[in-house]
Amino acid sequence: MMDVTRGARGELVIRIEGVFDRQAASRLSGWLGEIPASAPLLLDFSGVREVQDLGVAAMAGQLCGRETVEVVGLGRHQHRLLRYLGVTLAPPVGDEEALG
């Protein structure tokens, strides 16, 4: 299941729940194709119980070239995979101190 709302900072928030597989990634990619690349975007995977690498790889193409993409709820492995596939991720809000 996916839900789209506006966040407190005006960003588009897409919350994903359940299993994130190739089919879910295809559905998400369709939504992302409708959103301008300049629009701030937050993908919230905190409600996902299983993330498949094929799903992450399938959505990466729609995330490349976006100005502001923040992703929460994914593990280090999935973040690394997105970076390897050319996605530039914004640091999560509140992590400025952790970055030094």
N, C-alpha and C. Protein backbone atom coordinates (compact mmCIF):
# COMPACT_ATOMS: atom_id res chain seq x y z
N MET A 1 0.84 -1.18 0.00
CA MET A 1 0.00 0.00 0.00
C MET A 1 0.88 1.25 0.00
N MET A 2 0.43 2.27 -0.70
CA MET A 2 1.17 3.53 -0.74
C MET A 2 0.20 4.67 -0.50
N ASP A 3 0.71 5.71 0.17
CA ASP A 3 -0.10 6.87 0.51
C ASP A 3 0.71 8.12 0.21
N VAL A 4 0.09 9.13 -0.39
CA VAL A 4 0.78 10.36 -0.73
C VAL A 4 0.18 11.52 0.06
N THR A 5 1.05 12.30 0.74
CA THR A 5 0.62 13.48 1.49
C THR A 5 1.67 14.57 1.31
N ARG A 6 1.41 15.73 1.89
CA ARG A 6 2.38 16.83 1.95
C ARG A 6 2.98 16.86 3.34
N GLY A 7 4.30 17.02 3.42
CA GLY A 7 5.00 17.10 4.69
C GLY A 7 4.98 18.52 5.25
N ALA A 8 5.50 18.67 6.45
CA ALA A 8 5.52 19.96 7.15
C ALA A 8 6.35 21.00 6.41
N ARG A 9 7.35 20.57 5.65
CA ARG A 9 8.20 21.52 4.91
C ARG A 9 7.74 21.71 3.46
N GLY A 10 6.56 21.17 3.14
CA GLY A 10 6.02 21.30 1.78
C GLY A 10 6.44 20.20 0.83
N GLU A 11 7.25 19.26 1.29
CA GLU A 11 7.70 18.16 0.44
C GLU A 11 6.57 17.16 0.22
N LEU A 12 6.65 16.45 -0.87
CA LEU A 12 5.71 15.38 -1.15
C LEU A 12 6.20 14.14 -0.41
N VAL A 13 5.33 13.54 0.40
CA VAL A 13 5.69 12.36 1.20
C VAL A 13 4.94 11.16 0.65
N ILE A 14 5.68 10.13 0.28
CA ILE A 14 5.07 8.88 -0.16
C ILE A 14 5.44 7.82 0.88
N ARG A 15 4.39 7.32 1.57
CA ARG A 15 4.59 6.27 2.58
C ARG A 15 4.27 4.92 1.94
N ILE A 16 5.20 4.00 2.11
CA ILE A 16 5.07 2.67 1.52
C ILE A 16 4.95 1.67 2.65
N GLU A 17 4.05 0.70 2.51
CA GLU A 17 3.85 -0.33 3.54
C GLU A 17 3.83 -1.71 2.89
N GLY A 18 4.08 -2.72 3.72
CA GLY A 18 4.02 -4.10 3.25
C GLY A 18 5.33 -4.57 2.66
N VAL A 19 5.26 -5.21 1.51
CA VAL A 19 6.44 -5.74 0.82
C VAL A 19 6.77 -4.80 -0.34
N PHE A 20 8.05 -4.40 -0.41
CA PHE A 20 8.50 -3.57 -1.54
C PHE A 20 9.27 -4.47 -2.49
N ASP A 21 8.56 -4.94 -3.50
CA ASP A 21 9.14 -5.83 -4.51
C ASP A 21 9.10 -5.14 -5.87
N ARG A 22 9.34 -5.90 -6.92
CA ARG A 22 9.36 -5.34 -8.28
C ARG A 22 8.02 -4.72 -8.65
N GLN A 23 6.91 -5.36 -8.26
CA GLN A 23 5.58 -4.83 -8.58
C GLN A 23 5.33 -3.51 -7.87
N ALA A 24 5.66 -3.45 -6.58
CA ALA A 24 5.48 -2.21 -5.82
C ALA A 24 6.37 -1.11 -6.40
N ALA A 25 7.58 -1.46 -6.80
CA ALA A 25 8.50 -0.48 -7.39
C ALA A 25 7.94 0.04 -8.71
N SER A 26 7.32 -0.81 -9.49
CA SER A 26 6.72 -0.39 -10.75
C SER A 26 5.59 0.61 -10.50
N ARG A 27 4.77 0.33 -9.51
CA ARG A 27 3.68 1.24 -9.15
C ARG A 27 4.24 2.58 -8.67
N LEU A 28 5.26 2.53 -7.80
CA LEU A 28 5.89 3.75 -7.30
C LEU A 28 6.55 4.53 -8.44
N SER A 29 7.21 3.84 -9.35
CA SER A 29 7.86 4.51 -10.49
C SER A 29 6.84 5.25 -11.34
N GLY A 30 5.66 4.68 -11.49
CA GLY A 30 4.59 5.36 -12.23
C GLY A 30 4.20 6.66 -11.56
N TRP A 31 4.09 6.65 -10.24
CA TRP A 31 3.77 7.87 -9.49
C TRP A 31 4.90 8.88 -9.63
N LEU A 32 6.14 8.40 -9.49
CA LEU A 32 7.29 9.31 -9.55
C LEU A 32 7.40 9.98 -10.92
N GLY A 33 6.99 9.29 -11.96
CA GLY A 33 7.02 9.86 -13.29
C GLY A 33 6.09 11.05 -13.46
N GLU A 34 5.11 11.17 -12.59
CA GLU A 34 4.15 12.28 -12.63
C GLU A 34 4.59 13.48 -11.80
N ILE A 35 5.64 13.32 -11.01
CA ILE A 35 6.10 14.37 -10.09
C ILE A 35 7.30 15.08 -10.72
N PRO A 36 7.26 16.41 -10.81
CA PRO A 36 8.41 17.14 -11.38
C PRO A 36 9.71 16.83 -10.63
N ALA A 37 10.81 16.74 -11.36
CA ALA A 37 12.11 16.41 -10.76
C ALA A 37 12.55 17.46 -9.75
N SER A 38 12.03 18.67 -9.85
CA SER A 38 12.43 19.73 -8.93
C SER A 38 11.64 19.71 -7.63
N ALA A 39 10.58 18.90 -7.55
CA ALA A 39 9.74 18.85 -6.35
C ALA A 39 10.46 18.09 -5.23
N PRO A 40 10.53 18.67 -4.02
CA PRO A 40 11.13 17.94 -2.90
C PRO A 40 10.31 16.68 -2.60
N LEU A 41 11.01 15.59 -2.33
CA LEU A 41 10.35 14.29 -2.18
C LEU A 41 10.92 13.54 -0.99
N LEU A 42 10.02 12.94 -0.20
CA LEU A 42 10.43 12.08 0.90
C LEU A 42 9.75 10.73 0.70
N LEU A 43 10.54 9.67 0.61
CA LEU A 43 10.01 8.31 0.52
C LEU A 43 10.17 7.67 1.89
N ASP A 44 9.04 7.27 2.47
CA ASP A 44 9.03 6.70 3.82
C ASP A 44 8.77 5.20 3.74
N PHE A 45 9.82 4.43 3.97
CA PHE A 45 9.74 2.97 3.93
C PHE A 45 9.59 2.37 5.33
N SER A 46 9.31 3.18 6.35
CA SER A 46 9.29 2.67 7.72
C SER A 46 8.18 1.64 7.95
N GLY A 47 7.16 1.61 7.10
CA GLY A 47 6.09 0.62 7.24
C GLY A 47 6.30 -0.62 6.39
N VAL A 48 7.46 -0.74 5.76
CA VAL A 48 7.74 -1.89 4.90
C VAL A 48 8.36 -3.01 5.73
N ARG A 49 7.82 -4.21 5.59
CA ARG A 49 8.36 -5.34 6.36
C ARG A 49 9.41 -6.13 5.58
N GLU A 50 9.43 -5.97 4.24
CA GLU A 50 10.43 -6.66 3.41
C GLU A 50 10.76 -5.78 2.22
N VAL A 51 12.06 -5.58 1.99
CA VAL A 51 12.53 -4.79 0.85
C VAL A 51 13.39 -5.70 -0.02
N GLN A 52 12.99 -5.85 -1.27
CA GLN A 52 13.75 -6.67 -2.20
C GLN A 52 14.65 -5.76 -3.04
N ASP A 53 15.89 -6.21 -3.23
CA ASP A 53 16.86 -5.42 -3.99
C ASP A 53 16.37 -5.09 -5.40
N LEU A 54 15.66 -6.01 -6.04
CA LEU A 54 15.13 -5.74 -7.38
C LEU A 54 14.16 -4.57 -7.36
N GLY A 55 13.40 -4.44 -6.29
CA GLY A 55 12.49 -3.31 -6.16
C GLY A 55 13.24 -2.01 -6.04
N VAL A 56 14.29 -2.01 -5.22
CA VAL A 56 15.11 -0.81 -5.04
C VAL A 56 15.76 -0.42 -6.36
N ALA A 57 16.32 -1.40 -7.06
CA ALA A 57 16.97 -1.12 -8.34
C ALA A 57 15.96 -0.61 -9.37
N ALA A 58 14.75 -1.15 -9.34
CA ALA A 58 13.73 -0.74 -10.32
C ALA A 58 13.30 0.71 -10.13
N MET A 59 13.26 1.20 -8.89
CA MET A 59 12.83 2.59 -8.67
C MET A 59 13.98 3.58 -8.83
N ALA A 60 15.21 3.11 -8.82
CA ALA A 60 16.37 4.01 -8.87
C ALA A 60 16.36 4.90 -10.11
N GLY A 61 15.96 4.37 -11.23
CA GLY A 61 15.94 5.16 -12.46
C GLY A 61 15.06 6.40 -12.35
N GLN A 62 13.94 6.29 -11.63
CA GLN A 62 13.05 7.43 -11.46
C GLN A 62 13.57 8.43 -10.43
N LEU A 63 14.51 8.00 -9.59
CA LEU A 63 15.05 8.89 -8.56
C LEU A 63 16.29 9.64 -9.03
N CYS A 64 16.99 9.10 -10.03
CA CYS A 64 18.19 9.77 -10.55
C CYS A 64 17.81 11.12 -11.15
N GLY A 65 18.62 12.12 -10.85
CA GLY A 65 18.39 13.44 -11.43
C GLY A 65 17.40 14.30 -10.66
N ARG A 66 16.80 13.77 -9.61
CA ARG A 66 15.90 14.59 -8.79
C ARG A 66 16.73 15.49 -7.90
N GLU A 67 16.22 16.69 -7.68
CA GLU A 67 16.97 17.66 -6.88
C GLU A 67 17.04 17.29 -5.41
N THR A 68 15.90 16.93 -4.81
CA THR A 68 15.86 16.63 -3.39
C THR A 68 15.09 15.34 -3.16
N VAL A 69 15.80 14.28 -2.79
CA VAL A 69 15.18 13.00 -2.45
C VAL A 69 15.68 12.60 -1.07
N GLU A 70 14.75 12.46 -0.15
CA GLU A 70 15.08 11.96 1.19
C GLU A 70 14.39 10.61 1.33
N VAL A 71 15.12 9.62 1.83
CA VAL A 71 14.58 8.28 2.01
C VAL A 71 14.76 7.89 3.46
N VAL A 72 13.67 7.47 4.10
CA VAL A 72 13.74 7.01 5.48
C VAL A 72 13.18 5.59 5.56
N GLY A 73 13.66 4.83 6.53
CA GLY A 73 13.15 3.50 6.77
C GLY A 73 13.84 2.39 6.00
N LEU A 74 14.86 2.72 5.23
CA LEU A 74 15.65 1.68 4.55
C LEU A 74 16.93 1.44 5.32
N GLY A 75 17.49 0.27 5.14
CA GLY A 75 18.76 -0.06 5.79
C GLY A 75 19.95 0.49 5.04
N ARG A 76 21.09 0.34 5.65
CA ARG A 76 22.35 0.82 5.06
C ARG A 76 22.59 0.18 3.68
N HIS A 77 22.29 -1.10 3.57
CA HIS A 77 22.49 -1.82 2.30
C HIS A 77 21.69 -1.17 1.17
N GLN A 78 20.41 -0.87 1.42
CA GLN A 78 19.57 -0.27 0.38
C GLN A 78 20.02 1.15 0.05
N HIS A 79 20.45 1.92 1.06
CA HIS A 79 20.98 3.27 0.79
C HIS A 79 22.23 3.17 -0.10
N ARG A 80 23.09 2.23 0.22
CA ARG A 80 24.31 2.04 -0.58
C ARG A 80 23.95 1.64 -2.01
N LEU A 81 23.00 0.75 -2.15
CA LEU A 81 22.56 0.31 -3.48
C LEU A 81 22.04 1.49 -4.29
N LEU A 82 21.23 2.36 -3.68
CA LEU A 82 20.72 3.53 -4.39
C LEU A 82 21.87 4.44 -4.84
N ARG A 83 22.85 4.65 -3.97
CA ARG A 83 24.00 5.49 -4.35
C ARG A 83 24.78 4.85 -5.50
N TYR A 84 24.99 3.53 -5.44
CA TYR A 84 25.70 2.84 -6.53
C TYR A 84 24.97 3.01 -7.86
N LEU A 85 23.64 3.10 -7.80
CA LEU A 85 22.83 3.22 -9.00
C LEU A 85 22.65 4.67 -9.44
N GLY A 86 23.36 5.60 -8.78
CA GLY A 86 23.37 6.99 -9.23
C GLY A 86 22.39 7.92 -8.57
N VAL A 87 21.72 7.48 -7.51
CA VAL A 87 20.75 8.33 -6.82
C VAL A 87 21.46 9.17 -5.77
N THR A 88 21.24 10.48 -5.81
CA THR A 88 21.79 11.39 -4.81
C THR A 88 20.73 11.58 -3.73
N LEU A 89 21.04 11.15 -2.52
CA LEU A 89 20.09 11.24 -1.42
C LEU A 89 20.40 12.43 -0.53
N ALA A 90 19.35 13.14 -0.13
CA ALA A 90 19.50 14.22 0.83
C ALA A 90 19.67 13.61 2.21
N PRO A 91 20.51 14.21 3.08
CA PRO A 91 20.60 13.69 4.44
C PRO A 91 19.28 13.91 5.16
N PRO A 92 18.87 12.97 6.01
CA PRO A 92 17.62 13.15 6.74
C PRO A 92 17.67 14.42 7.59
N VAL A 93 16.55 15.10 7.69
CA VAL A 93 16.48 16.31 8.51
C VAL A 93 16.77 15.93 9.95
N GLY A 94 17.62 16.72 10.60
CA GLY A 94 18.01 16.43 11.97
C GLY A 94 19.32 15.69 12.07
N ASP A 95 19.89 15.27 10.95
CA ASP A 95 21.15 14.53 10.96
C ASP A 95 22.35 15.41 10.67
N GLU A 96 22.16 16.73 10.66
CA GLU A 96 23.27 17.62 10.35
C GLU A 96 24.42 17.46 11.33
N GLU A 97 24.10 17.26 12.62
CA GLU A 97 25.15 17.10 13.63
C GLU A 97 25.92 15.80 13.40
N ALA A 98 25.21 14.75 13.01
CA ALA A 98 25.86 13.46 12.80
C ALA A 98 26.83 13.52 11.62
N LEU A 99 26.56 14.42 10.69
CA LEU A 99 27.43 14.53 9.53
C LEU A 99 28.69 15.33 9.83
N GLY A 100 28.71 16.03 10.94
CA GLY A 100 29.89 16.79 11.33
C GLY A 100 29.85 18.12 10.76
